[in-house]
Protein backbone atom coordinates (compact mmCIF):
# COMPACT_ATOMS: atom_id res chain seq x y z
CA MET A 1 -36.74 69.32 90.60
CA ASN A 2 -37.47 66.29 90.41
CA ASP A 3 -37.62 64.75 94.00
CA GLY A 4 -33.57 64.28 94.13
CA LEU A 5 -32.20 63.31 90.74
CA ASP A 6 -31.49 65.98 88.29
CA PRO A 7 -33.82 66.84 85.14
CA ASP A 8 -30.80 66.76 82.94
CA LEU A 9 -29.59 63.17 83.76
CA LEU A 10 -33.44 62.01 83.24
CA ALA A 11 -33.83 63.67 79.56
CA ILE A 12 -30.49 61.40 78.58
CA LEU A 13 -30.99 58.19 80.34
CA VAL A 14 -32.49 55.90 78.64
CA CYS A 15 -33.46 52.04 79.48
CA PRO A 16 -30.54 49.56 79.34
CA VAL A 17 -32.35 46.85 77.72
CA THR A 18 -35.12 48.25 75.12
CA ARG A 19 -32.70 52.17 74.82
CA GLY A 20 -36.34 53.28 75.51
CA PRO A 21 -37.53 56.54 77.02
CA LEU A 22 -37.83 55.70 81.25
CA ARG A 23 -40.50 57.78 83.30
CA TYR A 24 -39.30 58.80 86.98
CA ASP A 25 -41.76 57.79 89.52
CA ALA A 26 -40.63 60.29 92.32
CA GLN A 27 -43.18 58.49 95.14
CA ALA A 28 -41.31 55.05 94.57
CA SER A 29 -37.96 56.69 93.53
CA GLU A 30 -37.65 54.31 90.46
CA LEU A 31 -37.15 55.01 86.51
CA ILE A 32 -39.89 52.91 85.20
CA SER A 33 -39.29 51.54 81.28
CA GLU A 34 -42.84 51.12 80.72
CA ALA A 35 -41.55 48.67 77.25
CA ALA A 36 -39.04 46.27 79.34
CA GLY A 37 -41.90 46.33 82.22
CA LEU A 38 -38.99 47.18 84.86
CA ALA A 39 -38.69 49.75 87.77
CA PHE A 40 -34.63 50.75 88.29
CA PRO A 41 -34.53 52.25 91.66
CA VAL A 42 -32.71 55.92 92.01
CA ARG A 43 -30.92 55.60 96.17
CA ASP A 44 -29.27 59.09 96.94
CA GLY A 45 -30.54 60.73 93.78
CA VAL A 46 -28.60 58.68 91.70
CA PRO A 47 -30.38 55.74 88.84
CA VAL A 48 -29.02 52.16 89.60
CA MET A 49 -29.27 51.48 86.00
CA LEU A 50 -28.69 47.02 86.80
CA VAL A 51 -30.83 44.64 85.11
CA GLU A 52 -29.89 42.51 88.25
CA GLU A 53 -31.49 45.61 90.05
CA ALA A 54 -34.59 46.12 88.64
CA ARG A 55 -37.99 44.71 89.97
CA GLN A 56 -40.61 43.90 87.26
CA VAL A 57 -43.60 45.78 86.76
CA ALA A 58 -47.39 44.79 85.92
CA PRO A 59 -48.06 46.00 82.29
């Protein structure tokens, strides 16, 4: 298990901007979209896939 994120859910989630894959960062509790340069928070095991809630990540 991914520290509170269901692996089956992770397998079907995609970036809402690029429709590309996401990488889960358990330490930061975020889903990272390398293509979009965004990190989406995971709160209480629930991914928040809103662009307004995402933060920019360094390339």
